[in-house]
Amino acid sequence: MDSNITSSFIPKDTVQSGGRKPVYASGLGDLLMLAGVILFVAAVALSIGVFLYLQFEEASLTSKGEQLQRAQEAFEPALIAELTRLDDRMNAAEDVLYNHIAPSELFNTLEKLTLKGVSFSSLNFQATDRNTMSMSLKGIAHSVNAIALQADLFGKNTGIVSPIFSNINRTGEGVLFEVSSRINPTAIRYVNVSRNTAAAASAENVPVQTGQQPVTEQEAVEEDGSIPLFAP
């Protein structure tokens, strides 16, 4: 008998060297799949929300535009445009009127301020711009005192700024003199003419200062032989 008979009935080729697949690998894949599904659903929901919000904003903007259009039609745009043009014209006219210079007011001022014993033979008016104006005068007076009184009247007038009397000379006909001064543009603006009329009318009366007596025109034109107030 053959003694090499094996006692095991399990075939040798049925034995495999590999083991069982790990359980944790399958669970991790399911978890990743679940997270992906959740992110996809969230993205879809967010996209739908943004789309609905944009639709709502567009509808709201359209509604407000229609309301604004109805409001504009209720206020008559043609009338508003006409009133706007009228307001612009009135503002432009007011600006022109405010800056308009009336040189004739200077003649009125000189007429009211000039004494009877003083007369002017020439007037030179210069305006560099609407805010820079000056004048120069040549005149003759009965006496030096009359010139002094005339200088006092000019100095107290707000329209004549810093008057300077010069070149005073005695002649057989009287006392010759010259005057140069700046002009206050506000005083001869057309809008202020009516207001300056009342002020210029009262300028003929020389105000009395405390402790002094007003110099009368008669005293100014009388030659009393006193020392002249201005050097010839």
Protein backbone atom coordinates (compact mmCIF):
# COMPACT_ATOMS: atom_id res chain seq x y z
CA MET A 1 0.00 0.00 0.00
CA ASP A 2 0.97 3.48 -0.74
CA SER A 3 1.81 5.24 2.52
CA ASN A 4 1.84 8.86 0.98
CA ILE A 5 -1.92 9.42 1.32
CA THR A 6 -2.71 12.75 3.05
CA SER A 7 -5.19 12.86 5.84
CA SER A 8 -6.65 16.38 4.91
CA PHE A 9 -9.66 16.65 2.62
CA ILE A 10 -9.33 20.49 2.02
CA PRO A 11 -7.90 21.26 -1.38
CA LYS A 12 -4.76 23.24 -1.25
CA ASP A 13 -5.66 25.54 -4.14
CA THR A 14 -8.72 26.82 -2.28
CA VAL A 15 -6.57 28.64 0.25
CA GLN A 16 -6.21 32.40 -0.62
CA SER A 17 -3.70 34.73 0.73
CA GLY A 18 -5.93 37.95 0.63
CA GLY A 19 -7.97 39.26 3.63
CA ARG A 20 -11.38 41.05 4.03
CA LYS A 21 -11.94 44.67 2.82
CA PRO A 22 -11.76 47.25 5.70
CA VAL A 23 -15.16 48.57 6.87
CA TYR A 24 -13.98 52.25 7.49
CA ALA A 25 -13.14 52.81 3.80
CA SER A 26 -16.74 52.16 2.75
CA GLY A 27 -18.10 54.49 5.48
CA LEU A 28 -15.81 57.40 4.44
CA GLY A 29 -17.00 57.18 0.84
CA ASP A 30 -20.65 57.34 1.93
CA LEU A 31 -19.90 60.37 4.09
CA LEU A 32 -18.20 62.21 1.21
CA MET A 33 -21.13 61.42 -1.08
CA LEU A 34 -23.59 62.75 1.51
CA ALA A 35 -21.59 65.98 1.90
CA GLY A 36 -21.53 66.47 -1.86
CA VAL A 37 -25.29 66.01 -2.07
CA ILE A 38 -25.80 68.57 0.73
CA LEU A 39 -23.54 71.13 -0.97
CA PHE A 40 -25.32 70.63 -4.29
CA VAL A 41 -28.73 71.14 -2.70
CA ALA A 42 -27.47 74.27 -0.88
CA ALA A 43 -26.03 75.70 -4.11
CA VAL A 44 -29.29 75.08 -5.96
CA ALA A 45 -31.30 76.70 -3.14
CA LEU A 46 -28.97 79.72 -3.06
CA SER A 47 -29.21 80.14 -6.84
CA ILE A 48 -33.00 80.04 -6.67
CA GLY A 49 -32.97 82.61 -3.83
CA VAL A 50 -30.71 85.02 -5.75
CA PHE A 51 -32.87 84.66 -8.87
CA LEU A 52 -36.07 85.39 -6.93
CA TYR A 53 -34.44 88.39 -5.19
CA LEU A 54 -33.31 89.88 -8.52
CA GLN A 55 -36.80 89.40 -9.91
CA PHE A 56 -38.26 91.17 -6.88
CA GLU A 57 -35.82 94.10 -7.18
CA GLU A 58 -36.50 94.47 -10.88
CA ALA A 59 -40.25 94.50 -10.29
CA SER A 60 -39.84 97.04 -7.47
CA LEU A 61 -37.66 99.28 -9.64
CA THR A 62 -40.16 99.14 -12.48
CA SER A 63 -43.01 100.01 -10.10
CA LYS A 64 -41.13 103.00 -8.65
CA GLY A 65 -40.25 104.22 -12.13
CA GLU A 66 -43.92 104.15 -13.10
CA GLN A 67 -44.83 106.04 -9.91
CA LEU A 68 -42.18 108.69 -10.67
CA GLN A 69 -43.46 109.06 -14.21
CA ARG A 70 -47.02 109.56 -12.96
CA ALA A 71 -45.79 112.11 -10.42
CA GLN A 72 -43.93 114.05 -13.12
CA GLU A 73 -46.98 114.08 -15.34
CA ALA A 74 -49.07 115.35 -12.42
CA PHE A 75 -46.73 118.34 -11.98
CA GLU A 76 -46.84 119.34 -15.66
CA PRO A 77 -43.20 119.17 -16.83
CA ALA A 78 -43.78 121.85 -19.48
CA LEU A 79 -44.89 124.35 -16.82
CA ILE A 80 -41.96 123.45 -14.57
CA ALA A 81 -39.51 123.97 -17.44
CA GLU A 82 -41.07 127.36 -18.23
CA LEU A 83 -40.91 128.46 -14.60
CA THR A 84 -37.28 127.32 -14.40
CA ARG A 85 -36.37 129.42 -17.44
CA LEU A 86 -38.21 132.39 -15.96
CA ASP A 87 -36.32 132.00 -12.66
CA ASP A 88 -32.99 131.88 -14.52
CA ARG A 89 -33.88 135.06 -16.43
CA MET A 90 -34.90 136.85 -13.24
CA ASN A 91 -31.66 135.85 -11.52
CA ALA A 92 -29.63 137.06 -14.50
CA ALA A 93 -31.56 140.36 -14.60
CA GLU A 94 -31.04 140.83 -10.87
CA ASP A 95 -27.30 140.25 -11.26
CA VAL A 96 -27.09 142.75 -14.13
CA LEU A 97 -29.15 145.30 -12.20
CA TYR A 98 -27.05 144.92 -9.06
CA ASN A 99 -23.78 145.45 -10.93
CA HIS A 100 -25.09 148.21 -13.21
CA ILE A 101 -23.34 151.52 -12.60
CA ALA A 102 -25.19 154.83 -12.90
CA PRO A 103 -22.52 157.54 -13.38
CA SER A 104 -25.28 160.15 -13.50
CA GLU A 105 -25.69 159.65 -9.76
CA LEU A 106 -22.19 161.10 -9.35
CA PHE A 107 -23.37 164.33 -11.00
CA ASN A 108 -26.35 164.45 -8.63
CA THR A 109 -24.04 163.99 -5.67
CA LEU A 110 -21.69 166.76 -6.82
CA GLU A 111 -24.65 169.06 -7.48
CA LYS A 112 -25.96 168.59 -3.95
CA LEU A 113 -22.56 168.82 -2.24
CA THR A 114 -21.05 171.77 -4.14
CA LEU A 115 -21.26 175.07 -2.28
CA LYS A 116 -22.52 178.25 -3.94
CA GLY A 117 -19.07 179.79 -3.55
CA VAL A 118 -17.43 176.88 -5.42
CA SER A 119 -17.68 175.84 -9.06
CA PHE A 120 -16.04 173.10 -11.12
CA SER A 121 -14.77 173.57 -14.65
CA SER A 122 -13.84 169.96 -15.53
CA LEU A 123 -14.52 166.39 -14.44
CA ASN A 124 -12.52 163.31 -15.36
CA PHE A 125 -14.19 160.00 -14.42
CA GLN A 126 -12.27 156.73 -14.75
CA ALA A 127 -13.48 153.17 -14.16
CA THR A 128 -10.85 150.43 -14.39
CA ASP A 129 -13.51 147.85 -13.54
CA ARG A 130 -16.84 147.81 -11.77
CA ASN A 131 -15.13 147.96 -8.36
CA THR A 132 -12.29 150.41 -9.09
CA MET A 133 -13.36 153.97 -9.96
CA SER A 134 -11.86 157.42 -9.50
CA MET A 135 -12.45 161.03 -10.48
CA SER A 136 -10.47 164.26 -10.74
CA LEU A 137 -11.93 167.77 -10.70
CA LYS A 138 -10.71 171.28 -11.41
CA GLY A 139 -12.52 174.17 -9.82
CA ILE A 140 -12.49 177.71 -8.50
CA ALA A 141 -13.68 179.09 -5.16
CA HIS A 142 -14.25 182.52 -3.68
CA SER A 143 -11.82 181.83 -0.85
CA VAL A 144 -9.57 179.26 0.74
CA ASN A 145 -12.07 178.80 3.55
CA ALA A 146 -14.70 177.85 0.99
CA ILE A 147 -12.35 175.16 -0.27
CA ALA A 148 -11.88 173.94 3.30
CA LEU A 149 -15.62 173.65 3.79
CA GLN A 150 -15.97 171.92 0.45
CA ALA A 151 -13.29 169.41 1.45
CA ASP A 152 -15.16 168.76 4.69
CA LEU A 153 -18.40 168.06 2.82
CA PHE A 154 -16.66 165.69 0.38
CA GLY A 155 -14.96 163.86 3.24
CA LYS A 156 -18.26 163.16 4.99
CA ASN A 157 -19.93 161.72 1.90
CA THR A 158 -19.79 157.92 1.62
CA GLY A 159 -19.64 158.00 -2.19
CA ILE A 160 -16.43 160.07 -2.38
CA VAL A 161 -13.49 158.21 -0.86
CA SER A 162 -10.35 160.00 0.40
CA PRO A 163 -10.67 163.31 -1.48
CA ILE A 164 -7.38 165.17 -1.93
CA PHE A 165 -7.36 168.92 -2.66
CA SER A 166 -4.18 170.18 -4.31
CA ASN A 167 -2.67 172.90 -6.54
CA ILE A 168 -4.44 175.70 -4.67
CA ASN A 169 -3.54 179.05 -6.23
CA ARG A 170 -4.92 182.56 -5.70
CA THR A 171 -5.85 184.50 -8.83
CA GLY A 172 -7.77 187.63 -9.61
CA GLU A 173 -10.89 185.60 -10.33
CA GLY A 174 -10.67 183.45 -7.18
CA VAL A 175 -8.79 180.49 -5.76
CA LEU A 176 -8.05 177.70 -8.22
CA PHE A 177 -7.80 174.13 -6.94
CA GLU A 178 -7.87 170.49 -8.03
CA VAL A 179 -9.52 167.46 -6.43
CA SER A 180 -8.77 163.77 -6.86
CA SER A 181 -10.57 160.93 -5.11
CA ARG A 182 -11.75 157.38 -5.41
CA ILE A 183 -15.42 156.55 -5.91
CA ASN A 184 -17.34 154.05 -3.83
CA PRO A 185 -19.02 151.84 -6.49
CA THR A 186 -21.83 150.93 -4.10
CA ALA A 187 -22.90 154.57 -3.94
CA ILE A 188 -23.49 154.84 -7.70
CA ARG A 189 -24.99 151.42 -8.36
CA TYR A 190 -28.38 151.71 -9.94
CA VAL A 191 -30.10 149.63 -7.23
CA ASN A 192 -28.87 152.04 -4.57
CA VAL A 193 -29.78 155.28 -6.34
CA SER A 194 -33.21 155.53 -4.73
CA ARG A 195 -31.79 154.87 -1.28
CA ASN A 196 -28.92 157.31 -1.78
CA THR A 197 -31.28 160.08 -2.85
CA ALA A 198 -32.55 160.69 0.67
CA ALA A 199 -29.03 160.48 2.12
CA ALA A 200 -27.62 162.90 -0.45
CA ALA A 201 -30.45 165.35 0.19
CA SER A 202 -29.54 165.54 3.86
CA ALA A 203 -25.81 165.88 3.09
CA GLU A 204 -26.22 169.60 2.33
CA ASN A 205 -26.66 170.27 6.04
CA VAL A 206 -23.28 170.14 7.80
CA PRO A 207 -23.69 168.12 11.04
CA VAL A 208 -22.81 169.82 14.30
CA GLN A 209 -20.02 168.08 16.24
CA THR A 210 -19.89 168.12 20.01
CA GLY A 211 -18.10 171.17 21.29
CA GLN A 212 -17.88 172.84 17.84
CA GLN A 213 -20.02 175.25 15.89
CA PRO A 214 -20.86 174.45 12.24
CA VAL A 215 -19.10 176.56 9.64
CA THR A 216 -21.61 178.50 7.58
CA GLU A 217 -21.24 179.17 3.88
CA GLN A 218 -21.10 182.91 4.50
CA GLU A 219 -18.14 182.48 6.82
CA ALA A 220 -16.45 180.23 4.25
CA VAL A 221 -16.72 182.69 1.36
CA GLU A 222 -15.64 185.74 3.38
CA GLU A 223 -11.94 186.55 3.02
CA ASP A 224 -10.92 187.42 6.56
CA GLY A 225 -7.16 187.44 6.04
CA SER A 226 -6.62 184.44 8.33
CA ILE A 227 -3.98 181.76 7.70
CA PRO A 228 -5.11 179.47 4.84
CA LEU A 229 -6.01 175.92 5.75
CA PHE A 230 -4.23 174.69 2.60
CA ALA A 231 -0.85 175.85 1.46
CA PRO A 232 -1.01 177.47 -1.98
